[in-house]
């Protein structure tokens, strides 16, 4: 028989790692000691969302613009029959926008009942760290980024990673 199955993509492997995290089955006190982070890049900076705040990572698909939306909302996408808004994180964080590329992804972020797509340039990895490695927000971050940050640290391949709060982003925009 001929094996016609495709190799899983990096995005599929990252999602599988988040889904299969054994930390979810641990005692809550132990689970708080480790943290899964979805690492992504934007304008050559490294950012992360806590894994528990990410429902899934999707490849880029066409966005339908909605008249009258604020600049921080790019529009809407269809996710398997469900319409989700897409946040323009570049605008929200007052960063220069970049064109869509083959590595552009939507991170479906969630906070309670709120859910929205967040467009990022590139999802790099999912890592597990000890929660105490995240340090308070540094004062030299631009105010627009600092407003949505939990903290940061040199967490990924020697790069300083800014951990953003999906909760703060979604609640601020009232998605």
N, C-alpha and C. Protein backbone atom coordinates (compact mmCIF):
# COMPACT_ATOMS: atom_id res chain seq x y z
N UNK A 1 0.82 -1.19 0.00
CA UNK A 1 0.00 0.00 0.00
C UNK A 1 0.86 1.25 0.00
N UNK A 2 0.39 2.27 -0.63
CA UNK A 2 1.12 3.53 -0.72
C UNK A 2 0.71 4.45 0.43
N UNK A 3 1.66 5.03 1.11
CA UNK A 3 1.38 5.94 2.21
C UNK A 3 1.26 7.35 1.64
N UNK A 4 0.01 7.87 1.63
CA UNK A 4 -0.25 9.19 1.05
C UNK A 4 -0.47 10.27 2.11
N UNK A 5 -0.28 9.92 3.40
CA UNK A 5 -0.49 10.91 4.46
C UNK A 5 0.63 11.95 4.43
N UNK A 6 0.25 13.21 4.65
CA UNK A 6 1.20 14.31 4.68
C UNK A 6 1.86 14.36 6.06
N UNK A 7 3.07 14.88 6.09
CA UNK A 7 3.74 15.16 7.35
C UNK A 7 2.98 16.29 8.05
N UNK A 8 2.83 16.23 9.37
CA UNK A 8 2.14 17.32 10.06
C UNK A 8 2.94 18.62 9.95
N UNK A 9 2.22 19.73 9.82
CA UNK A 9 2.88 21.04 9.72
C UNK A 9 3.34 21.47 11.11
N UNK A 10 4.21 22.47 11.15
CA UNK A 10 4.70 22.99 12.43
C UNK A 10 3.53 23.50 13.28
N UNK A 11 2.57 24.16 12.64
CA UNK A 11 1.40 24.66 13.36
C UNK A 11 0.62 23.51 13.98
N UNK A 12 0.43 22.42 13.22
CA UNK A 12 -0.29 21.27 13.76
C UNK A 12 0.46 20.66 14.94
N UNK A 13 1.78 20.59 14.85
CA UNK A 13 2.58 20.05 15.95
C UNK A 13 2.49 20.94 17.19
N UNK A 14 2.49 22.27 16.99
CA UNK A 14 2.37 23.19 18.12
C UNK A 14 1.01 23.01 18.79
N UNK A 15 -0.05 22.95 17.99
CA UNK A 15 -1.39 22.77 18.56
C UNK A 15 -1.50 21.45 19.31
N UNK A 16 -0.92 20.40 18.78
CA UNK A 16 -0.95 19.09 19.43
C UNK A 16 -0.24 19.16 20.78
N UNK A 17 0.88 19.88 20.83
CA UNK A 17 1.61 20.03 22.09
C UNK A 17 0.77 20.75 23.14
N UNK A 18 0.04 21.79 22.72
CA UNK A 18 -0.82 22.51 23.65
C UNK A 18 -1.95 21.62 24.13
N UNK A 19 -2.58 20.88 23.21
CA UNK A 19 -3.70 20.00 23.57
C UNK A 19 -3.27 18.88 24.50
N UNK A 20 -2.10 18.33 24.27
CA UNK A 20 -1.65 17.16 25.03
C UNK A 20 -0.85 17.51 26.26
N UNK A 21 -0.86 18.76 26.68
CA UNK A 21 -0.09 19.16 27.84
C UNK A 21 -0.59 18.43 29.08
N UNK A 22 0.24 17.58 29.67
CA UNK A 22 -0.20 16.85 30.86
C UNK A 22 -0.41 17.76 32.06
N UNK A 23 0.06 18.99 32.01
CA UNK A 23 -0.12 19.92 33.12
C UNK A 23 -1.58 20.19 33.44
N UNK A 24 -2.47 20.05 32.44
CA UNK A 24 -3.89 20.31 32.68
C UNK A 24 -4.51 19.29 33.65
N UNK A 25 -3.92 18.09 33.74
CA UNK A 25 -4.47 17.07 34.61
C UNK A 25 -3.84 17.11 36.01
N UNK A 26 -2.86 17.96 36.23
CA UNK A 26 -2.16 18.02 37.50
C UNK A 26 -2.97 18.75 38.56
N UNK A 27 -2.54 18.58 39.79
CA UNK A 27 -3.06 19.33 40.91
C UNK A 27 -2.93 20.82 40.60
N UNK A 28 -3.95 21.65 40.90
CA UNK A 28 -3.88 23.08 40.56
C UNK A 28 -2.65 23.79 41.11
N UNK A 29 -2.18 23.42 42.32
CA UNK A 29 -1.00 24.07 42.87
C UNK A 29 0.24 23.76 42.04
N UNK A 30 0.37 22.53 41.58
CA UNK A 30 1.51 22.14 40.75
C UNK A 30 1.40 22.80 39.39
N UNK A 31 0.20 22.83 38.81
CA UNK A 31 0.00 23.41 37.49
C UNK A 31 0.41 24.89 37.48
N UNK A 32 0.19 25.60 38.57
CA UNK A 32 0.55 27.02 38.61
C UNK A 32 2.05 27.24 38.53
N UNK A 33 2.82 26.22 38.85
CA UNK A 33 4.27 26.36 38.81
C UNK A 33 4.82 26.38 37.39
N UNK A 34 4.13 25.72 36.45
CA UNK A 34 4.58 25.73 35.06
C UNK A 34 3.55 26.44 34.20
N UNK A 35 4.06 26.99 33.12
CA UNK A 35 3.21 27.79 32.26
C UNK A 35 3.57 27.48 30.81
N UNK A 36 2.56 27.21 29.99
CA UNK A 36 2.78 27.05 28.56
C UNK A 36 2.63 28.42 27.91
N UNK A 37 3.55 28.75 27.02
CA UNK A 37 3.50 30.01 26.29
C UNK A 37 3.51 29.75 24.80
N UNK A 38 2.62 30.43 24.07
CA UNK A 38 2.64 30.41 22.62
C UNK A 38 3.47 31.62 22.19
N UNK A 39 4.65 31.34 21.64
CA UNK A 39 5.59 32.39 21.26
C UNK A 39 5.32 32.81 19.82
N UNK A 40 5.25 34.13 19.58
CA UNK A 40 5.05 34.64 18.22
C UNK A 40 5.86 35.91 18.03
N UNK A 41 6.03 36.28 16.76
CA UNK A 41 6.80 37.48 16.46
C UNK A 41 5.95 38.51 15.74
N UNK A 42 6.34 39.76 15.97
CA UNK A 42 5.75 40.90 15.27
C UNK A 42 6.83 41.97 15.19
N UNK A 43 7.05 42.47 14.00
CA UNK A 43 8.09 43.48 13.72
C UNK A 43 9.39 43.19 14.48
N UNK A 44 9.85 41.97 14.33
CA UNK A 44 11.13 41.49 14.87
C UNK A 44 11.20 41.52 16.39
N UNK A 45 10.05 41.55 17.05
CA UNK A 45 9.98 41.43 18.51
C UNK A 45 9.28 40.12 18.84
N UNK A 46 9.66 39.54 19.98
CA UNK A 46 9.03 38.30 20.43
C UNK A 46 7.98 38.60 21.49
N UNK A 47 6.81 37.97 21.30
CA UNK A 47 5.70 38.10 22.23
C UNK A 47 5.20 36.70 22.57
N UNK A 48 4.33 36.62 23.57
CA UNK A 48 3.72 35.33 23.92
C UNK A 48 2.35 35.57 24.52
N UNK A 49 1.51 34.55 24.36
CA UNK A 49 0.24 34.46 25.09
C UNK A 49 0.33 33.20 25.95
N UNK A 50 -0.31 33.23 27.10
CA UNK A 50 -0.38 32.01 27.91
C UNK A 50 -1.18 30.97 27.13
N UNK A 51 -0.70 29.74 27.13
CA UNK A 51 -1.34 28.67 26.38
C UNK A 51 -2.79 28.46 26.76
N UNK A 52 -3.13 28.65 28.02
CA UNK A 52 -4.52 28.44 28.46
C UNK A 52 -5.48 29.47 27.86
N UNK A 53 -4.93 30.59 27.35
CA UNK A 53 -5.75 31.64 26.75
C UNK A 53 -5.86 31.50 25.23
N UNK A 54 -5.28 30.44 24.67
CA UNK A 54 -5.29 30.22 23.22
C UNK A 54 -6.14 28.99 22.92
N UNK A 55 -7.19 29.19 22.13
CA UNK A 55 -8.02 28.05 21.73
C UNK A 55 -7.39 27.27 20.60
N UNK A 56 -6.88 28.00 19.59
CA UNK A 56 -6.20 27.34 18.49
C UNK A 56 -5.44 28.35 17.66
N UNK A 57 -4.60 27.82 16.78
CA UNK A 57 -3.81 28.63 15.86
C UNK A 57 -4.22 28.25 14.46
N UNK A 58 -4.59 29.25 13.66
CA UNK A 58 -5.08 29.00 12.31
C UNK A 58 -4.20 29.66 11.27
N UNK A 59 -4.10 29.04 10.09
CA UNK A 59 -3.38 29.72 9.00
C UNK A 59 -4.18 30.94 8.56
N UNK A 60 -3.49 31.87 7.92
CA UNK A 60 -4.16 33.07 7.43
C UNK A 60 -5.23 32.68 6.43
N UNK A 61 -6.37 33.36 6.50
CA UNK A 61 -7.43 33.22 5.51
C UNK A 61 -7.99 34.62 5.25
N UNK A 62 -8.71 34.78 4.15
CA UNK A 62 -9.22 36.12 3.83
C UNK A 62 -10.07 36.71 4.96
N UNK A 63 -9.89 38.00 5.17
CA UNK A 63 -10.64 38.73 6.20
C UNK A 63 -11.69 39.59 5.50
N UNK A 64 -12.91 39.53 5.99
CA UNK A 64 -13.98 40.38 5.47
C UNK A 64 -14.04 41.65 6.31
N UNK A 65 -13.82 42.78 5.67
CA UNK A 65 -13.89 44.05 6.39
C UNK A 65 -15.33 44.36 6.75
N UNK A 66 -15.49 45.00 7.90
CA UNK A 66 -16.82 45.40 8.38
C UNK A 66 -16.81 46.92 8.53
N UNK A 67 -17.64 47.61 7.75
CA UNK A 67 -17.67 49.09 7.84
C UNK A 67 -18.00 49.55 9.25
N UNK A 68 -17.33 50.61 9.67
CA UNK A 68 -17.61 51.21 10.97
C UNK A 68 -16.83 50.61 12.13
N UNK A 69 -16.05 49.56 11.88
CA UNK A 69 -15.25 48.98 12.97
C UNK A 69 -14.07 49.89 13.29
N UNK A 70 -13.63 49.87 14.53
CA UNK A 70 -12.44 50.65 14.86
C UNK A 70 -11.22 50.09 14.13
N UNK A 71 -10.16 50.89 14.04
CA UNK A 71 -8.94 50.47 13.33
C UNK A 71 -8.31 49.23 13.94
N UNK A 72 -8.58 48.98 15.21
CA UNK A 72 -7.99 47.83 15.89
C UNK A 72 -8.67 46.51 15.51
N UNK A 73 -9.79 46.59 14.79
CA UNK A 73 -10.46 45.38 14.31
C UNK A 73 -10.28 45.32 12.80
N UNK A 74 -9.60 44.28 12.32
CA UNK A 74 -9.36 44.13 10.88
C UNK A 74 -10.64 43.75 10.14
N UNK A 75 -11.49 42.97 10.79
CA UNK A 75 -12.71 42.49 10.17
C UNK A 75 -13.12 41.18 10.81
N UNK A 76 -13.71 40.28 10.00
CA UNK A 76 -14.18 39.00 10.51
C UNK A 76 -13.68 37.86 9.62
N UNK A 77 -13.59 36.66 10.22
CA UNK A 77 -13.25 35.45 9.48
C UNK A 77 -14.26 34.37 9.82
N UNK A 78 -14.35 33.39 8.95
CA UNK A 78 -15.22 32.24 9.16
C UNK A 78 -14.36 31.08 9.65
N UNK A 79 -14.63 30.64 10.87
CA UNK A 79 -13.90 29.51 11.45
C UNK A 79 -14.88 28.35 11.57
N UNK A 80 -14.87 27.47 10.56
CA UNK A 80 -15.75 26.30 10.52
C UNK A 80 -17.20 26.66 10.83
N UNK A 81 -17.68 27.72 10.18
CA UNK A 81 -19.07 28.12 10.31
C UNK A 81 -19.35 29.13 11.40
N UNK A 82 -18.37 29.46 12.20
CA UNK A 82 -18.53 30.46 13.26
C UNK A 82 -17.79 31.72 12.84
N UNK A 83 -18.44 32.84 12.95
CA UNK A 83 -17.84 34.12 12.58
C UNK A 83 -17.08 34.67 13.79
N UNK A 84 -15.80 34.99 13.59
CA UNK A 84 -14.96 35.55 14.65
C UNK A 84 -14.35 36.86 14.16
N UNK A 85 -14.23 37.81 15.06
CA UNK A 85 -13.56 39.07 14.74
C UNK A 85 -12.05 38.82 14.69
N UNK A 86 -11.34 39.72 14.02
CA UNK A 86 -9.88 39.64 13.94
C UNK A 86 -9.30 40.96 14.44
N UNK A 87 -8.46 40.86 15.46
CA UNK A 87 -7.83 42.04 16.05
C UNK A 87 -6.55 42.36 15.29
N UNK A 88 -6.38 43.65 15.00
CA UNK A 88 -5.15 44.15 14.39
C UNK A 88 -4.20 44.50 15.54
N UNK A 89 -3.38 43.53 15.94
CA UNK A 89 -2.50 43.71 17.09
C UNK A 89 -1.44 44.78 16.83
N UNK A 90 -1.03 44.93 15.57
CA UNK A 90 -0.07 45.98 15.24
C UNK A 90 -0.63 47.36 15.62
N UNK A 91 -1.87 47.63 15.24
CA UNK A 91 -2.50 48.91 15.54
C UNK A 91 -2.70 49.07 17.05
N UNK A 92 -3.19 48.03 17.69
CA UNK A 92 -3.45 48.08 19.13
C UNK A 92 -2.18 48.41 19.91
N UNK A 93 -1.06 47.81 19.49
CA UNK A 93 0.21 48.01 20.19
C UNK A 93 1.03 49.17 19.61
N UNK A 94 0.42 49.90 18.68
CA UNK A 94 1.05 51.06 18.02
C UNK A 94 2.39 50.69 17.38
N UNK A 95 2.36 49.59 16.64
CA UNK A 95 3.53 49.11 15.91
C UNK A 95 3.28 49.28 14.42
N UNK A 96 4.36 49.36 13.63
CA UNK A 96 4.21 49.43 12.18
C UNK A 96 3.57 48.15 11.66
N UNK A 97 2.61 48.31 10.76
CA UNK A 97 1.94 47.15 10.17
C UNK A 97 2.86 46.54 9.12
N UNK A 98 2.70 45.25 8.89
CA UNK A 98 3.49 44.56 7.87
C UNK A 98 2.54 43.81 6.95
N UNK A 99 2.96 43.55 5.71
CA UNK A 99 2.09 42.81 4.81
C UNK A 99 1.93 41.36 5.24
N UNK A 100 0.85 40.76 4.81
CA UNK A 100 0.60 39.35 5.07
C UNK A 100 1.67 38.53 4.36
N UNK A 101 2.12 37.46 5.01
CA UNK A 101 3.12 36.58 4.42
C UNK A 101 2.67 35.13 4.61
N UNK A 102 3.40 34.18 4.06
CA UNK A 102 3.03 32.77 4.25
C UNK A 102 3.06 32.32 5.72
N UNK A 103 3.75 33.07 6.59
CA UNK A 103 3.81 32.69 8.00
C UNK A 103 2.76 33.39 8.87
N UNK A 104 1.96 34.28 8.29
CA UNK A 104 0.92 34.98 9.05
C UNK A 104 -0.08 33.97 9.60
N UNK A 105 -0.45 34.16 10.86
CA UNK A 105 -1.38 33.25 11.53
C UNK A 105 -2.42 34.04 12.31
N UNK A 106 -3.53 33.35 12.59
CA UNK A 106 -4.54 33.87 13.52
C UNK A 106 -4.43 33.02 14.78
N UNK A 107 -4.25 33.68 15.90
CA UNK A 107 -4.32 32.99 17.19
C UNK A 107 -5.71 33.27 17.73
N UNK A 108 -6.51 32.22 17.94
CA UNK A 108 -7.84 32.41 18.52
C UNK A 108 -7.67 32.50 20.02
N UNK A 109 -7.81 33.73 20.53
CA UNK A 109 -7.64 33.97 21.95
C UNK A 109 -8.99 33.94 22.65
N UNK A 110 -8.96 33.51 23.92
CA UNK A 110 -10.21 33.46 24.68
C UNK A 110 -9.98 33.99 26.09
N UNK A 111 -11.03 34.62 26.58
CA UNK A 111 -11.05 35.12 27.95
C UNK A 111 -12.48 34.97 28.43
N UNK A 112 -12.74 33.98 29.25
CA UNK A 112 -14.11 33.70 29.66
C UNK A 112 -14.94 33.35 28.44
N UNK A 113 -16.01 34.10 28.22
CA UNK A 113 -16.88 33.87 27.07
C UNK A 113 -16.43 34.63 25.83
N UNK A 114 -15.45 35.52 25.97
CA UNK A 114 -14.97 36.31 24.84
C UNK A 114 -13.98 35.50 24.01
N UNK A 115 -14.12 35.61 22.69
CA UNK A 115 -13.25 34.88 21.76
C UNK A 115 -13.02 35.75 20.54
N UNK A 116 -11.77 35.79 20.07
CA UNK A 116 -11.46 36.57 18.88
C UNK A 116 -10.17 36.07 18.26
N UNK A 117 -10.06 36.26 16.94
CA UNK A 117 -8.80 35.99 16.26
C UNK A 117 -7.86 37.16 16.46
N UNK A 118 -6.59 36.85 16.64
CA UNK A 118 -5.56 37.88 16.79
C UNK A 118 -4.52 37.59 15.73
N UNK A 119 -4.36 38.50 14.78
CA UNK A 119 -3.43 38.28 13.67
C UNK A 119 -2.01 38.57 14.12
N UNK A 120 -1.10 37.59 13.88
CA UNK A 120 0.31 37.75 14.20
C UNK A 120 1.14 37.40 12.98
N UNK A 121 2.38 37.84 12.96
CA UNK A 121 3.24 37.62 11.80
C UNK A 121 3.72 36.18 11.69
N UNK A 122 4.08 35.57 12.83
CA UNK A 122 4.66 34.24 12.79
C UNK A 122 4.54 33.59 14.17
N UNK A 123 4.01 32.37 14.22
CA UNK A 123 4.02 31.61 15.47
C UNK A 123 5.30 30.79 15.47
N UNK A 124 6.14 31.03 16.47
CA UNK A 124 7.46 30.40 16.50
C UNK A 124 7.46 29.06 17.23
N UNK A 125 6.74 28.97 18.36
CA UNK A 125 6.87 27.77 19.18
C UNK A 125 5.86 27.81 20.32
N UNK A 126 5.75 26.68 21.02
CA UNK A 126 5.06 26.61 22.31
C UNK A 126 6.09 26.07 23.29
N UNK A 127 6.28 26.79 24.38
CA UNK A 127 7.26 26.35 25.37
C UNK A 127 6.60 26.26 26.74
N UNK A 128 7.18 25.45 27.61
CA UNK A 128 6.75 25.37 29.01
C UNK A 128 7.86 25.93 29.87
N UNK A 129 7.49 26.80 30.79
CA UNK A 129 8.46 27.42 31.69
C UNK A 129 7.91 27.41 33.10
N UNK A 130 8.79 27.66 34.06
CA UNK A 130 8.32 27.87 35.43
C UNK A 130 7.72 29.27 35.47
N UNK A 131 6.54 29.38 36.06
CA UNK A 131 5.80 30.65 36.06
C UNK A 131 6.60 31.78 36.70
N UNK A 132 7.45 31.47 37.66
CA UNK A 132 8.20 32.53 38.33
C UNK A 132 9.32 33.12 37.47
N UNK A 133 9.54 32.58 36.28
CA UNK A 133 10.54 33.16 35.37
C UNK A 133 10.05 34.46 34.73
N UNK A 134 8.73 34.66 34.72
CA UNK A 134 8.18 35.88 34.14
C UNK A 134 8.37 37.02 35.14
N UNK A 135 9.07 38.03 34.71
CA UNK A 135 9.35 39.19 35.56
C UNK A 135 8.32 40.29 35.28
N UNK A 136 8.18 41.26 36.20
CA UNK A 136 7.25 42.37 35.97
C UNK A 136 7.57 43.13 34.69
N UNK A 137 6.59 43.84 34.19
CA UNK A 137 6.73 44.63 32.98
C UNK A 137 7.84 45.66 33.17
N UNK A 138 8.74 45.74 32.18
CA UNK A 138 9.82 46.71 32.28
C UNK A 138 9.32 48.10 31.89
N UNK A 139 9.88 49.10 32.52
CA UNK A 139 9.41 50.47 32.31
C UNK A 139 9.80 51.03 30.94
N UNK A 140 10.76 50.40 30.27
CA UNK A 140 11.20 50.92 28.98
C UNK A 140 10.33 50.46 27.81
N UNK A 141 9.35 49.60 28.07
CA UNK A 141 8.43 49.20 27.00
C UNK A 141 7.58 50.39 26.60
N UNK A 142 7.25 50.51 25.31
CA UNK A 142 6.33 51.57 24.90
C UNK A 142 5.00 51.43 25.67
N UNK A 143 4.38 52.55 26.04
CA UNK A 143 3.14 52.50 26.83
C UNK A 143 2.04 51.62 26.21
N UNK A 144 1.90 51.65 24.88
CA UNK A 144 0.84 50.86 24.24
C UNK A 144 1.07 49.36 24.45
N UNK A 145 2.31 48.93 24.49
CA UNK A 145 2.61 47.51 24.74
C UNK A 145 2.49 47.23 26.24
N UNK A 146 3.02 48.12 27.06
CA UNK A 146 3.00 47.94 28.51
C UNK A 146 1.57 47.77 29.04
N UNK A 147 0.60 48.46 28.42
CA UNK A 147 -0.80 48.38 28.86
C UNK A 147 -1.37 46.97 28.76
N UNK A 148 -0.84 46.14 27.87
CA UNK A 148 -1.38 44.80 27.63
C UNK A 148 -0.44 43.69 28.08
N UNK A 149 0.66 44.05 28.72
CA UNK A 149 1.68 43.07 29.09
C UNK A 149 1.51 42.57 30.52
N UNK A 150 1.75 41.26 30.69
CA UNK A 150 1.86 40.66 32.04
C UNK A 150 3.27 40.89 32.57
N UNK A 151 4.23 40.74 31.68
CA UNK A 151 5.64 40.82 32.05
C UNK A 151 6.48 40.28 30.93
N UNK A 152 7.68 39.88 31.24
CA UNK A 152 8.56 39.35 30.21
C UNK A 152 9.86 38.86 30.79
N UNK A 153 10.67 38.30 29.94
CA UNK A 153 11.98 37.79 30.34
C UNK A 153 12.64 37.20 29.11
N UNK A 154 13.93 36.93 29.22
CA UNK A 154 14.65 36.26 28.15
C UNK A 154 14.25 34.78 28.21
N UNK A 155 13.25 34.42 27.40
CA UNK A 155 12.63 33.10 27.52
C UNK A 155 12.82 32.21 26.30
N UNK A 156 13.13 32.78 25.16
CA UNK A 156 13.13 31.99 23.94
C UNK A 156 14.38 32.26 23.11
N UNK A 157 15.25 31.27 23.04
CA UNK A 157 16.45 31.34 22.21
C UNK A 157 17.23 32.65 22.39
N UNK A 158 17.36 33.07 23.63
CA UNK A 158 18.12 34.27 23.93
C UNK A 158 17.39 35.57 23.69
N UNK A 159 16.12 35.51 23.32
CA UNK A 159 15.33 36.71 23.04
C UNK A 159 14.44 37.07 24.23
N UNK A 160 14.32 38.37 24.48
CA UNK A 160 13.38 38.86 25.47
C UNK A 160 11.97 38.68 24.90
N UNK A 161 11.10 38.04 25.65
CA UNK A 161 9.73 37.77 25.22
C UNK A 161 8.77 38.56 26.10
N UNK A 162 7.90 39.33 25.48
CA UNK A 162 6.88 40.10 26.19
C UNK A 162 5.62 39.24 26.25
N UNK A 163 5.19 38.90 27.46
CA UNK A 163 3.98 38.09 27.63
C UNK A 163 2.78 39.02 27.70
N UNK A 164 1.91 38.91 26.69
CA UNK A 164 0.72 39.77 26.61
C UNK A 164 -0.48 39.09 27.25
N UNK A 165 -1.42 39.87 27.71
CA UNK A 165 -2.64 39.38 28.33
C UNK A 165 -3.78 39.37 27.33
N UNK A 166 -4.23 38.18 26.95
CA UNK A 166 -5.40 38.06 26.07
C UNK A 166 -6.61 38.70 26.76
N UNK A 167 -6.71 38.49 28.06
CA UNK A 167 -7.83 39.05 28.82
C UNK A 167 -7.89 40.58 28.70
N UNK A 168 -6.76 41.25 28.89
CA UNK A 168 -6.73 42.71 28.77
C UNK A 168 -7.07 43.16 27.35
N UNK A 169 -6.57 42.45 26.36
CA UNK A 169 -6.82 42.82 24.96
C UNK A 169 -8.30 42.69 24.64
N UNK A 170 -8.90 41.55 24.96
CA UNK A 170 -10.31 41.32 24.61
C UNK A 170 -11.25 42.21 25.40
N UNK A 171 -10.98 42.40 26.66
CA UNK A 171 -11.85 43.24 27.48
C UNK A 171 -11.76 44.70 27.09
N UNK A 172 -10.58 45.16 26.71
CA UNK A 172 -10.40 46.56 26.28
C UNK A 172 -11.21 46.82 25.01
N UNK A 173 -11.20 45.84 24.11
CA UNK A 173 -11.89 46.01 22.83
C UNK A 173 -13.35 45.61 22.91
N UNK A 174 -13.76 44.99 24.02
CA UNK A 174 -15.14 44.52 24.19
C UNK A 174 -15.61 43.69 23.00
N UNK A 175 -14.78 42.72 22.64
CA UNK A 175 -15.08 41.85 21.51
C UNK A 175 -16.24 40.96 21.88
